[in-house]
Structure formats: C-alpha cells, structure tokens
Amino acid sequence: MTASHALRLAAVAAALMGLAPPQNAQARILAQWVQLGPDGSASVRVVTEDACPSVTFDGRPVPMSVRSEPGRSFGNVKTAQFPVRGCEAAVPADAVAAVLDGKALALPRPNPQRILVFGDTGCRLKTGDPTQDCNDINAWPFPKIAAVAAAARPDLVIHVGDYHYREDACPANHAGCAGSPFGYGWDAWNADFFARWRRCSPPLPG
C-alpha cells in the first residue's frame, strides 16, 4: 500500500474537522463535522434527532441527504439501538465558508500545517478486561486530550480508529463507571466519543 493510499484511507475512515456543538440546548442536531473523503473530496456530516437540515455554502443553502435512518438494521452487526438520523452534504470544491445550525464549520485547508493524529479513545467496559473509570477524567483522559487538541487549533484531525469500548455494563458497585451506557447503540457511542469531543470542539483554524 502506498503512503498516499494509506493516508486517503485514513481520511475516509476518520479524518474529522470542525466537530462542533449545536448552537443552543434546544437544537436537535447532536453532532456536526466536516469529514475528508477520497481524491480531495469532503462532506458535512450530521447526527440529528430531527429531519436532515440544510447547510449553507457561501450564502447558498443546500439540503442535506439521509445517510442512515433511525432504527436502521445492519447485517452482520450486533443488535443496537440508533434512534438518530445521519445526514450528509458534499462540500463544493470552490466553497469558502459553510454554516450549519448557525455555527461556522471549518472547511478543509489545501495545505494543512497543524495535523493532529490520535486514536483508541474509548473507555473500556468489557467483561474479562480491567474496568476503566469512565466518570474520572484522570482515569479516562480522552476529555483532557480533546481539550488540548482544541487549544492547539489543528488544521486537520485524523482519528485512526477504535472509538467505542463500552461493550458491557459497568460492574455493580463500581462507582468509577456507574451509570455509563453500554452496548453498541447511539447512547454508548455518544458517551465514548461525540459528547466528550463536542465539549472541546476545536475552533476554526487560523
């Protein structure tokens, strides 16, 4: 595999830019980001409890299309509950600015200089493995790492994989992870990645 091909695969899988929170607590958008794709392409992605919104590129609103519907079942995947909708819209090659839900999105830079690469960010809850204290910011440092990443103002963020580790229930009377969601649905994915990164979203590169 060539270096360029490997980088392209990494970008397709998990290169995230501008993951940002909803504009206010009433918004139905749960997560939004710009994701790199093959051959220099990029798309705006959204997780929402509502219908797919529109994203505005250089003042022009573009309706987002559905990637996945709530309750969708997937073959050869463990049963999970996803009561949310995934949406996307391709970023025009000549786009200069993008706004979604009143929030400016960081569009890809043609020559990124500050590149952050990380992975294995989930909190381990699995029978037979040591239990991680997901409620302790020192025992599960991803929130700290996300805050440092945001402060570094990266041009490009590449997550190399392994987002989700909360497979089984927190053991009884284990205060360090008490109340944590588990399994393979949206609640566990949100706790392991989106909710924590959303609070520490990097600002627009500059």
Protein backbone atom coordinates (compact mmCIF):
# COMPACT_ATOMS: atom_id res chain seq x y z
CA MET A 1 0.00 0.00 0.00
CA THR A 2 1.41 3.39 -0.94
CA ALA A 3 1.71 6.18 1.60
CA SER A 4 -0.78 8.30 -0.31
CA HIS A 5 -3.28 5.44 -0.43
CA ALA A 6 -2.88 4.83 3.31
CA LEU A 7 -3.45 8.49 4.05
CA ARG A 8 -6.53 8.52 1.83
CA LEU A 9 -7.97 5.50 3.64
CA ALA A 10 -7.32 7.14 6.99
CA ALA A 11 -9.05 10.28 5.81
CA VAL A 12 -12.07 8.38 4.54
CA ALA A 13 -12.36 6.47 7.79
CA ALA A 14 -11.87 9.12 10.37
CA ALA A 15 -10.42 12.49 9.40
CA LEU A 16 -12.54 14.94 11.31
CA MET A 17 -12.56 18.71 11.15
CA GLY A 18 -14.70 21.25 12.95
CA LEU A 19 -16.74 18.83 15.07
CA ALA A 20 -18.98 21.33 16.84
CA PRO A 21 -21.88 21.54 19.27
CA PRO A 22 -25.38 22.68 18.42
CA GLN A 23 -25.96 26.41 18.63
CA ASN A 24 -28.21 26.06 21.66
CA ALA A 25 -29.59 23.47 24.04
CA GLN A 26 -32.88 23.25 22.12
CA ALA A 27 -31.26 22.31 18.83
CA ARG A 28 -31.98 18.81 17.58
CA ILE A 29 -28.55 18.44 15.98
CA LEU A 30 -26.43 16.21 18.21
CA ALA A 31 -23.13 16.37 16.31
CA GLN A 32 -21.79 18.06 13.20
CA TRP A 33 -18.42 17.92 11.48
CA VAL A 34 -16.62 18.06 8.13
CA GLN A 35 -15.11 14.76 7.00
CA LEU A 36 -12.48 14.26 4.34
CA GLY A 37 -13.01 11.71 1.57
CA PRO A 38 -11.08 10.26 -1.37
CA ASP A 39 -9.46 12.37 -4.10
CA GLY A 40 -9.72 15.63 -2.20
CA SER A 41 -13.47 15.45 -1.59
CA ALA A 42 -15.15 16.41 1.69
CA SER A 43 -18.63 16.26 3.17
CA VAL A 44 -20.53 17.84 6.01
CA ARG A 45 -21.92 15.17 8.35
CA VAL A 46 -24.67 15.49 10.97
CA VAL A 47 -26.25 13.31 13.63
CA THR A 48 -29.74 14.58 14.42
CA GLU A 49 -32.96 13.62 16.17
CA ASP A 50 -34.94 15.51 13.55
CA ALA A 51 -35.16 15.76 9.76
CA CYS A 52 -31.96 16.45 7.85
CA PRO A 53 -31.15 20.18 7.93
CA SER A 54 -29.64 22.39 5.27
CA VAL A 55 -26.06 23.59 5.26
CA THR A 56 -25.20 26.97 3.79
CA PHE A 57 -22.16 27.23 1.49
CA ASP A 58 -21.15 30.81 0.69
CA GLY A 59 -24.67 32.04 1.37
CA ARG A 60 -26.41 29.28 -0.61
CA PRO A 61 -28.47 26.74 1.40
CA VAL A 62 -28.04 23.11 0.36
CA PRO A 63 -30.37 20.41 1.75
CA MET A 64 -28.55 17.52 3.37
CA SER A 65 -29.41 13.96 2.32
CA VAL A 66 -30.03 10.97 4.57
CA ARG A 67 -27.16 8.55 5.21
CA SER A 68 -28.98 6.42 7.79
CA GLU A 69 -32.49 6.43 9.18
CA PRO A 70 -33.42 5.88 12.86
CA GLY A 71 -33.83 2.20 13.68
CA ARG A 72 -31.99 1.03 10.61
CA SER A 73 -30.72 -2.56 10.90
CA PHE A 74 -27.33 -3.66 9.65
CA GLY A 75 -26.34 -7.16 8.58
CA ASN A 76 -23.54 -8.99 10.42
CA VAL A 77 -23.54 -6.36 13.18
CA LYS A 78 -24.55 -6.84 16.79
CA THR A 79 -28.04 -5.56 17.57
CA ALA A 80 -28.03 -1.92 18.63
CA GLN A 81 -30.43 0.98 19.06
CA PHE A 82 -29.82 4.06 16.92
CA PRO A 83 -32.82 6.41 17.35
CA VAL A 84 -30.96 9.09 15.42
CA ARG A 85 -30.57 10.08 11.78
CA GLY A 86 -27.31 10.52 9.90
CA CYS A 87 -27.16 13.19 7.17
CA GLU A 88 -24.55 14.47 4.73
CA ALA A 89 -23.90 17.05 2.05
CA ALA A 90 -20.91 17.23 -0.28
CA VAL A 91 -18.71 20.29 0.15
CA PRO A 92 -18.40 22.15 -3.18
CA ALA A 93 -14.81 22.24 -4.41
CA ASP A 94 -14.85 26.04 -4.51
CA ALA A 95 -16.61 26.62 -1.18
CA VAL A 96 -15.03 29.27 1.03
CA ALA A 97 -17.41 29.26 4.02
CA ALA A 98 -20.03 26.92 5.46
CA VAL A 99 -22.64 27.45 8.18
CA LEU A 100 -24.85 24.84 9.81
CA ASP A 101 -27.35 25.48 12.59
CA GLY A 102 -25.89 28.97 12.98
CA LYS A 103 -22.39 27.56 13.51
CA ALA A 104 -19.48 28.14 11.14
CA LEU A 105 -17.77 24.94 10.01
CA ALA A 106 -14.04 24.58 9.41
CA LEU A 107 -13.65 23.58 5.77
CA PRO A 108 -10.60 21.57 4.64
CA ARG A 109 -7.42 23.51 4.06
CA PRO A 110 -5.45 22.78 0.86
CA ASN A 111 -2.13 22.61 2.70
CA PRO A 112 -2.70 21.75 6.40
CA GLN A 113 0.26 22.51 8.64
CA ARG A 114 -1.01 21.59 12.12
CA ILE A 115 -2.10 17.95 11.94
CA LEU A 116 -3.36 16.05 14.97
CA VAL A 117 -3.38 12.22 14.85
CA PHE A 118 -4.83 10.12 17.64
CA GLY A 119 -6.91 7.01 18.30
CA ASP A 120 -8.05 4.37 20.81
CA THR A 121 -10.09 6.98 22.64
CA GLY A 122 -12.95 4.97 24.17
CA CYS A 123 -13.43 3.99 27.82
CA ARG A 124 -13.02 0.25 28.37
CA LEU A 125 -16.05 -1.56 29.77
CA LYS A 126 -15.79 -5.21 28.80
CA THR A 127 -16.18 -8.36 30.85
CA GLY A 128 -12.82 -10.01 31.38
CA ASP A 129 -10.82 -6.81 30.91
CA PRO A 130 -9.83 -4.31 33.60
CA THR A 131 -12.71 -1.87 34.14
CA GLN A 132 -11.91 1.75 33.36
CA ASP A 133 -13.36 4.57 35.46
CA CYS A 134 -15.23 6.44 32.73
CA ASN A 135 -16.52 9.02 35.23
CA ASP A 136 -12.98 10.02 36.29
CA ILE A 137 -11.26 12.49 33.95
CA ASN A 138 -7.87 11.28 35.20
CA ALA A 139 -8.64 7.59 34.70
CA TRP A 140 -10.15 8.16 31.23
CA PRO A 141 -8.11 11.04 29.77
CA PHE A 142 -9.86 11.48 26.41
CA PRO A 143 -11.70 14.64 27.56
CA LYS A 144 -8.34 16.15 28.58
CA ILE A 145 -6.78 15.14 25.29
CA ALA A 146 -9.67 16.67 23.36
CA ALA A 147 -9.23 19.94 25.26
CA VAL A 148 -5.51 20.04 24.48
CA ALA A 149 -6.28 19.23 20.84
CA ALA A 150 -8.73 22.13 20.62
CA ALA A 151 -6.23 24.53 22.17
CA ALA A 152 -3.66 23.52 19.53
CA ARG A 153 -6.00 24.81 16.81
CA PRO A 154 -5.27 21.97 14.36
CA ASP A 155 -5.85 22.39 10.63
CA LEU A 156 -6.65 18.70 10.33
CA VAL A 157 -7.66 15.99 12.82
CA ILE A 158 -7.21 12.33 11.92
CA HIS A 159 -8.71 9.68 14.21
CA VAL A 160 -7.11 6.36 13.27
CA GLY A 161 -9.85 4.25 14.80
CA ASP A 162 -11.18 2.44 17.85
CA TYR A 163 -13.73 4.93 19.13
CA HIS A 164 -16.02 2.57 21.03
CA TYR A 165 -15.10 0.48 24.11
CA ARG A 166 -18.24 0.45 26.30
CA GLU A 167 -19.38 -3.04 25.34
CA ASP A 168 -20.65 -4.39 28.67
CA ALA A 169 -22.36 -2.94 31.75
CA CYS A 170 -20.35 -1.28 34.46
CA PRO A 171 -19.86 -3.81 37.29
CA ALA A 172 -22.22 -3.37 40.24
CA ASN A 173 -20.93 -1.07 42.96
CA HIS A 174 -18.13 0.23 40.75
CA ALA A 175 -18.54 3.98 41.26
CA GLY A 176 -15.93 4.90 38.67
CA CYS A 177 -18.24 3.98 35.78
CA ALA A 178 -21.64 3.94 37.48
CA GLY A 179 -24.46 4.98 35.20
CA SER A 180 -22.48 4.57 32.00
CA PRO A 181 -24.39 3.45 28.91
CA PHE A 182 -23.08 0.31 27.26
CA GLY A 183 -23.63 -1.88 24.24
CA TYR A 184 -23.40 -0.88 20.60
CA GLY A 185 -26.11 1.76 20.21
CA TRP A 186 -26.05 5.54 19.92
CA ASP A 187 -26.02 6.15 23.70
CA ALA A 188 -22.73 4.28 24.16
CA TRP A 189 -21.19 5.79 21.01
CA ASN A 190 -22.23 9.25 22.13
CA ALA A 191 -20.73 8.76 25.61
CA ASP A 192 -17.49 7.30 24.23
CA PHE A 193 -16.84 9.91 21.56
CA PHE A 194 -19.31 12.55 20.43
CA ALA A 195 -20.37 14.02 23.80
CA ARG A 196 -16.79 14.42 25.01
CA TRP A 197 -15.35 15.81 21.77
CA ARG A 198 -18.32 18.13 21.35
CA ARG A 199 -17.49 19.91 24.61
CA CYS A 200 -13.93 20.54 23.47
CA SER A 201 -14.52 21.28 19.79
CA PRO A 202 -11.55 22.90 18.09
CA PRO A 203 -12.13 26.45 16.85
CA LEU A 204 -11.90 27.36 13.22
CA PRO A 205 -8.28 27.04 12.09
CA GLY A 206 -6.46 30.32 11.89
